[in-house]
Structures are given as structure tokens and as C-alpha cells.
């Protein structure tokens, strides 16, 4: 099942994305090629 787009709420700590954010982005990328982080 393909999803058109996935949005991820990205948290930043110390100027870098958190581990949880990176994990969510990785999963989102496996679900859709159109991923947006906010």
C-alpha cells in the first residue's frame, strides 16, 4: 500500500535532529517517497 505523502514533526536539540526524529524519518521514507519534516 503506497501513501502519497508523510509528514513528520521534527524535534531538534542542540542544533541537530533527535534520535526519535531520525527514526521517524527513516520509517516515513519506507512508506512514501514524498516525506516532509516540520
Foldseek 3Di string as FASTA:
>chain_A
DADAEEEAEFDDDPRHTDPVSVVVVVVRVVRYVHYHYD
